[in-house]
């Protein structure tokens, strides 16, 4: 499927400094938020008890907090979950208290204060399990990035590998920064979305890099920037179609999938948008800034080869 009847001629890399500036701003905001307030980690990583209750009518978070303030659960985090009638309560690990007793005591307190309270869900995660999940999650991200670096370096050229990893790190930091700014819960589903974003962004980068290599073999008399711009424009339809269809599914998950999967879907939404952007303005632009040239990708010509080099049409010359 093609969006454009003929390949567009946008000068993406000619505006790469603007792209670098925008990315630098987003990275500063993301890192600043992470240093200032950190992430709102779910019990998958922190450990503790999660209790979800439902009311017959809407209830304010402050009312539930006031009830719990009179108990030993005054440090619990209370928030709406899906609708004003549903409340989620997160209790940090407590020494000397059975986790099963925590949920029972909270439910008893809420039931005594209001009629028609329904216990929807209870989850327990120990502190040790939370630490193990954190370590394993960070290891998974690190191994994924290392695998990408090795694969792209062998497949193309080390400057393309650096560009690809720079784009992936750019995407990951911005997604994590988004969750830090919005205070959305960062749990295992969001971590899974991060790993999926790595694959999505890398796929875009590989497609563009493949087309750059093909163009270097065909068009040998244009500048490096011109050939790379040509490759980006030739793959633009494919990038837009893939991103649009993915976003349709992600938006359906956000609005129809419920609260359980919303964090995963929002992380994918941000990842698809940022990943499509970074494939052009971070991965390709970084490779160009590192000095990649046609000689790095073009195999040496065989003596006696009669295959002529393709000329760049005068109207398309940079």
Protein backbone atom coordinates (compact mmCIF):
# COMPACT_ATOMS: atom_id res chain seq x y z
CA UNK A 1 0.00 0.00 0.00
CA UNK A 2 1.38 3.40 -1.02
CA UNK A 3 0.26 6.73 0.41
CA UNK A 4 2.15 8.82 -2.15
CA UNK A 5 1.77 8.30 -5.91
CA UNK A 6 5.47 9.02 -6.25
CA UNK A 7 8.27 9.15 -3.72
CA UNK A 8 8.15 12.42 -1.72
CA UNK A 9 11.17 14.67 -1.50
CA UNK A 10 11.22 15.91 2.09
CA UNK A 11 14.57 17.17 3.33
CA UNK A 12 14.50 15.33 6.66
CA UNK A 13 18.23 15.28 7.32
CA UNK A 14 18.54 18.90 6.31
CA UNK A 15 16.53 19.66 9.46
CA UNK A 16 18.35 17.20 11.67
CA UNK A 17 19.61 19.95 13.99
CA UNK A 18 16.00 20.85 14.80
CA UNK A 19 15.33 17.17 15.48
CA UNK A 20 18.38 16.92 17.74
CA UNK A 21 17.24 20.04 19.60
CA UNK A 22 13.71 18.70 20.15
CA UNK A 23 15.07 15.34 21.31
CA UNK A 24 17.51 17.04 23.67
CA UNK A 25 14.64 19.03 25.21
CA UNK A 26 12.50 15.90 25.68
CA UNK A 27 15.43 14.00 27.17
CA UNK A 28 16.23 16.81 29.62
CA UNK A 29 12.58 16.94 30.74
CA UNK A 30 12.42 13.14 31.09
CA UNK A 31 15.67 12.80 33.00
CA UNK A 32 14.82 15.81 35.17
CA UNK A 33 11.47 14.27 36.11
CA UNK A 34 13.11 10.94 36.89
CA UNK A 35 15.67 12.61 39.16
CA UNK A 36 13.08 14.84 40.81
CA UNK A 37 10.21 12.46 41.49
CA UNK A 38 11.20 9.08 40.07
CA UNK A 39 8.68 6.49 38.89
CA UNK A 40 5.39 5.47 40.42
CA UNK A 41 6.41 1.83 40.64
CA UNK A 42 3.76 -0.85 40.87
CA UNK A 43 3.79 -3.60 43.45
CA UNK A 44 5.47 -5.84 40.84
CA UNK A 45 8.69 -3.98 41.69
CA UNK A 46 8.13 -2.58 45.18
CA UNK A 47 6.30 -5.50 46.74
CA UNK A 48 3.24 -5.08 48.94
CA UNK A 49 -0.50 -5.61 48.74
CA UNK A 50 -2.98 -4.33 46.17
CA UNK A 51 -6.68 -4.24 46.98
CA UNK A 52 -9.35 -3.23 44.47
CA UNK A 53 -12.87 -2.52 45.70
CA UNK A 54 -16.06 -1.35 44.02
CA UNK A 55 -18.81 0.90 45.37
CA UNK A 56 -22.44 1.17 44.34
CA UNK A 57 -22.06 4.96 43.93
CA UNK A 58 -19.21 7.30 43.15
CA UNK A 59 -16.80 7.96 46.00
CA UNK A 60 -13.98 10.43 46.47
CA UNK A 61 -10.43 9.26 47.05
CA UNK A 62 -10.21 11.60 50.05
CA UNK A 63 -13.06 9.73 51.79
CA UNK A 64 -11.22 6.42 51.53
CA UNK A 65 -7.96 8.04 52.66
CA UNK A 66 -9.75 9.46 55.70
CA UNK A 67 -10.99 5.99 56.65
CA UNK A 68 -7.54 4.42 56.29
CA UNK A 69 -5.86 7.32 58.14
CA UNK A 70 -7.40 6.01 61.36
CA UNK A 71 -5.72 2.61 60.88
CA UNK A 72 -2.18 1.31 60.53
CA UNK A 73 -2.59 1.63 56.76
CA UNK A 74 -2.24 5.41 56.71
CA UNK A 75 0.69 5.14 54.23
CA UNK A 76 -1.45 3.34 51.66
CA UNK A 77 -1.83 4.90 48.20
CA UNK A 78 -5.46 5.34 47.14
CA UNK A 79 -6.59 6.11 43.58
CA UNK A 80 -9.54 5.66 41.26
CA UNK A 81 -9.28 2.63 39.03
CA UNK A 82 -11.31 2.80 35.82
CA UNK A 83 -14.32 4.72 37.16
CA UNK A 84 -15.30 6.93 40.15
CA UNK A 85 -16.96 3.86 41.71
CA UNK A 86 -13.80 1.74 41.73
CA UNK A 87 -10.92 2.28 44.15
CA UNK A 88 -7.46 0.74 44.12
CA UNK A 89 -5.42 0.69 47.33
CA UNK A 90 -1.70 -0.09 47.39
CA UNK A 91 -0.13 -0.93 50.73
CA UNK A 92 3.68 -1.13 51.05
CA UNK A 93 5.23 -4.19 52.72
CA UNK A 94 4.62 -4.27 56.47
CA UNK A 95 6.77 -6.21 58.93
CA UNK A 96 5.01 -8.68 61.17
CA UNK A 97 1.69 -8.52 59.34
CA UNK A 98 0.35 -11.30 57.14
CA UNK A 99 -0.52 -10.05 53.66
CA UNK A 100 -3.84 -11.90 53.70
CA UNK A 101 -4.76 -10.08 56.91
CA UNK A 102 -4.02 -6.71 55.31
CA UNK A 103 -6.64 -7.14 52.58
CA UNK A 104 -9.18 -8.48 55.08
CA UNK A 105 -8.66 -5.62 57.51
CA UNK A 106 -8.90 -2.98 54.76
CA UNK A 107 -12.09 -4.51 53.39
CA UNK A 108 -13.62 -4.70 56.88
CA UNK A 109 -12.86 -1.01 57.53
CA UNK A 110 -14.32 0.11 54.21
CA UNK A 111 -17.40 -2.11 54.61
CA UNK A 112 -18.05 -0.70 58.06
CA UNK A 113 -17.94 2.87 56.72
CA UNK A 114 -20.07 2.31 53.59
CA UNK A 115 -22.66 -0.22 52.54
CA UNK A 116 -22.42 -2.17 49.31
CA UNK A 117 -18.62 -2.40 49.09
CA UNK A 118 -17.48 -5.20 46.79
CA UNK A 119 -14.01 -6.77 46.91
CA UNK A 120 -12.87 -7.05 43.30
CA UNK A 121 -9.22 -8.07 43.37
CA UNK A 122 -6.34 -8.75 45.76
CA UNK A 123 -2.68 -9.17 44.80
CA UNK A 124 0.36 -9.91 46.98
CA UNK A 125 4.02 -9.48 46.02
CA UNK A 126 6.84 -9.97 48.50
CA UNK A 127 9.72 -7.44 48.72
CA UNK A 128 12.27 -10.04 47.64
CA UNK A 129 10.25 -10.92 44.53
CA UNK A 130 9.97 -7.21 43.71
CA UNK A 131 13.75 -6.80 43.87
CA UNK A 132 14.27 -9.86 41.66
CA UNK A 133 11.78 -8.58 39.09
CA UNK A 134 13.54 -5.19 39.02
CA UNK A 135 16.93 -6.80 38.43
CA UNK A 136 15.59 -9.15 35.78
CA UNK A 137 13.77 -6.32 34.01
CA UNK A 138 16.90 -4.17 33.84
CA UNK A 139 18.89 -7.18 32.63
CA UNK A 140 16.33 -7.83 29.89
CA UNK A 141 16.62 -4.22 28.66
CA UNK A 142 20.41 -4.33 28.75
CA UNK A 143 20.63 -7.62 26.86
CA UNK A 144 18.15 -6.39 24.26
CA UNK A 145 20.24 -3.26 23.60
CA UNK A 146 23.47 -5.28 23.48
CA UNK A 147 21.94 -7.73 21.00
CA UNK A 148 20.80 -4.85 18.81
CA UNK A 149 24.27 -3.29 18.85
CA UNK A 150 25.96 -6.55 17.82
CA UNK A 151 23.37 -7.41 15.15
CA UNK A 152 23.39 -4.02 13.41
CA UNK A 153 27.19 -3.75 13.60
CA UNK A 154 27.59 -7.07 11.77
CA UNK A 155 24.66 -6.50 9.41
CA UNK A 156 25.59 -2.99 8.30
CA UNK A 157 28.36 -0.85 9.74
CA UNK A 158 29.30 0.19 13.26
CA UNK A 159 28.11 3.78 12.76
CA UNK A 160 24.67 2.49 11.87
CA UNK A 161 24.79 0.34 15.02
CA UNK A 162 25.59 3.38 17.17
CA UNK A 163 22.74 5.29 15.53
CA UNK A 164 20.29 2.42 16.12
CA UNK A 165 21.22 2.05 19.80
CA UNK A 166 21.10 5.84 20.28
CA UNK A 167 17.55 5.82 18.87
CA UNK A 168 16.52 2.96 21.16
CA UNK A 169 17.96 4.64 24.26
CA UNK A 170 16.24 7.86 23.18
CA UNK A 171 12.88 6.04 22.95
CA UNK A 172 13.26 4.23 26.27
CA UNK A 173 14.22 7.36 28.23
CA UNK A 174 11.32 9.37 26.79
CA UNK A 175 8.78 6.61 27.53
CA UNK A 176 10.03 6.23 31.09
CA UNK A 177 10.08 10.01 31.47
CA UNK A 178 6.47 10.18 30.26
CA UNK A 179 5.41 7.75 33.00
CA UNK A 180 7.39 9.75 35.55
CA UNK A 181 5.72 13.02 34.51
CA UNK A 182 2.18 11.61 34.42
CA UNK A 183 2.66 9.49 37.57
CA UNK A 184 1.10 6.51 35.83
CA UNK A 185 1.93 3.18 37.44
CA UNK A 186 5.08 1.59 36.03
CA UNK A 187 4.69 -2.18 36.28
CA UNK A 188 5.65 -5.33 34.41
CA UNK A 189 3.17 -4.66 31.59
CA UNK A 190 4.87 -1.31 30.91
CA UNK A 191 8.25 -3.03 30.91
CA UNK A 192 6.88 -5.49 28.34
CA UNK A 193 5.77 -2.52 26.23
CA UNK A 194 9.31 -1.10 26.44
CA UNK A 195 10.75 -4.33 25.07
CA UNK A 196 8.12 -4.34 22.31
CA UNK A 197 9.05 -0.74 21.46
CA UNK A 198 12.68 -1.80 21.04
CA UNK A 199 11.62 -4.32 18.41
CA UNK A 200 9.28 -1.87 16.67
CA UNK A 201 11.82 0.96 16.52
CA UNK A 202 14.61 -1.38 15.42
CA UNK A 203 12.45 -2.72 12.60
CA UNK A 204 11.96 0.80 11.24
CA UNK A 205 15.68 1.51 11.53
CA UNK A 206 16.64 -1.70 9.74
CA UNK A 207 14.24 -0.97 6.85
CA UNK A 208 15.71 2.52 6.36
CA UNK A 209 19.29 1.24 6.66
CA UNK A 210 18.65 -1.47 4.09
CA UNK A 211 17.30 1.10 1.63
CA UNK A 212 20.29 3.39 2.28
CA UNK A 213 22.66 0.55 1.41
CA UNK A 214 20.70 -0.25 -1.75
CA UNK A 215 20.76 3.39 -2.83
CA UNK A 216 24.50 3.64 -2.28
CA UNK A 217 24.89 0.75 -4.72
CA UNK A 218 22.64 2.40 -7.31
CA UNK A 219 23.30 6.13 -6.94
CA UNK A 220 27.01 6.70 -6.50
CA UNK A 221 27.33 10.34 -7.51
CA UNK A 222 25.01 11.97 -4.99
CA UNK A 223 26.14 13.18 -1.56
CA UNK A 224 25.75 10.94 1.46
CA UNK A 225 23.01 13.19 2.87
CA UNK A 226 21.15 13.14 -0.44
CA UNK A 227 21.23 9.34 -0.69
CA UNK A 228 20.11 8.90 2.93
CA UNK A 229 17.28 11.41 2.43
CA UNK A 230 16.21 9.49 -0.66
CA UNK A 231 16.05 6.24 1.33
CA UNK A 232 13.97 7.83 4.11
CA UNK A 233 11.50 9.24 1.59
CA UNK A 234 11.23 5.92 -0.24
CA UNK A 235 10.30 4.11 2.99
CA UNK A 236 8.04 6.88 4.30
CA UNK A 237 4.80 5.33 3.01
CA UNK A 238 5.62 2.02 4.64
CA UNK A 239 6.48 3.74 7.94
CA UNK A 240 3.25 5.77 8.00
CA UNK A 241 1.03 2.81 7.11
CA UNK A 242 2.66 0.56 9.72
CA UNK A 243 2.48 3.24 12.42
CA UNK A 244 -1.15 4.10 11.63
CA UNK A 245 -2.40 0.50 11.73
CA UNK A 246 -0.47 -0.14 14.96
CA UNK A 247 -1.92 2.99 16.53
CA UNK A 248 -5.45 1.85 15.67
CA UNK A 249 -4.96 -1.31 17.71
CA UNK A 250 -3.21 0.54 20.55
CA UNK A 251 -6.00 3.14 20.79
CA UNK A 252 -8.57 0.34 20.92
CA UNK A 253 -6.68 -1.18 23.85
CA UNK A 254 -6.54 2.18 25.64
CA UNK A 255 -10.25 2.93 25.36
CA UNK A 256 -11.71 -0.58 25.44
CA UNK A 257 -9.12 -2.78 27.12
CA UNK A 258 -9.72 -1.65 30.69
CA UNK A 259 -7.38 -0.38 33.39
CA UNK A 260 -5.38 -3.58 33.70
CA UNK A 261 -3.85 -3.18 30.24
CA UNK A 262 -3.99 0.62 29.92
CA UNK A 263 -0.41 1.21 31.07
CA UNK A 264 0.85 -1.29 28.48
CA UNK A 265 -1.20 0.38 25.73
CA UNK A 266 -0.14 3.93 26.65
CA UNK A 267 3.52 2.89 26.68
CA UNK A 268 3.08 1.38 23.21
CA UNK A 269 1.33 4.54 21.99
CA UNK A 270 4.22 6.73 23.07
CA UNK A 271 6.71 4.15 21.80
CA UNK A 272 5.21 3.96 18.31
CA UNK A 273 5.15 7.75 17.92
CA UNK A 274 8.63 8.30 19.32
CA UNK A 275 10.04 5.22 17.57
CA UNK A 276 8.90 6.36 14.13
CA UNK A 277 10.40 9.79 14.78
CA UNK A 278 13.71 8.47 16.12
CA UNK A 279 14.28 6.15 13.17
CA UNK A 280 14.65 9.26 11.01
CA UNK A 281 15.93 12.05 13.20
CA UNK A 282 18.06 10.02 15.63
CA UNK A 283 19.25 6.77 14.01
CA UNK A 284 19.91 8.08 10.49
CA UNK A 285 21.00 11.54 11.62
CA UNK A 286 23.44 10.08 14.18
CA UNK A 287 24.99 7.79 11.54
CA UNK A 288 25.41 10.80 9.24
CA UNK A 289 26.92 12.89 12.05
CA UNK A 290 29.43 10.11 12.77
CA UNK A 291 30.67 10.40 9.19
CA UNK A 292 29.21 7.34 7.48
CA UNK A 293 29.93 7.48 3.76
CA UNK A 294 29.27 5.54 0.59
CA UNK A 295 32.70 3.95 0.79
CA UNK A 296 31.71 2.29 4.08
CA UNK A 297 28.87 0.35 2.47
CA UNK A 298 29.76 -0.01 -1.21
CA UNK A 299 31.71 -3.17 -2.00
CA UNK A 300 34.80 -2.61 -4.16
CA UNK A 301 34.12 -2.73 -7.89
CA UNK A 302 35.44 -5.70 -9.81
CA UNK A 303 37.90 -4.99 -12.58
CA UNK A 304 36.32 -5.14 -16.01
CA UNK A 305 32.82 -4.56 -14.68
CA UNK A 306 30.69 -3.01 -17.41
CA UNK A 307 27.82 -2.01 -15.10
CA UNK A 308 27.54 1.79 -15.22
CA UNK A 309 26.86 3.96 -12.19
CA UNK A 310 23.41 5.47 -12.13
CA UNK A 311 23.43 9.23 -12.52
CA UNK A 312 21.37 11.43 -10.26
CA UNK A 313 18.83 13.37 -12.35
CA UNK A 314 19.73 17.10 -12.45
CA UNK A 315 16.37 18.02 -10.91
CA UNK A 316 17.10 15.80 -7.86
CA UNK A 317 20.72 16.69 -7.30
CA UNK A 318 21.41 18.33 -3.93
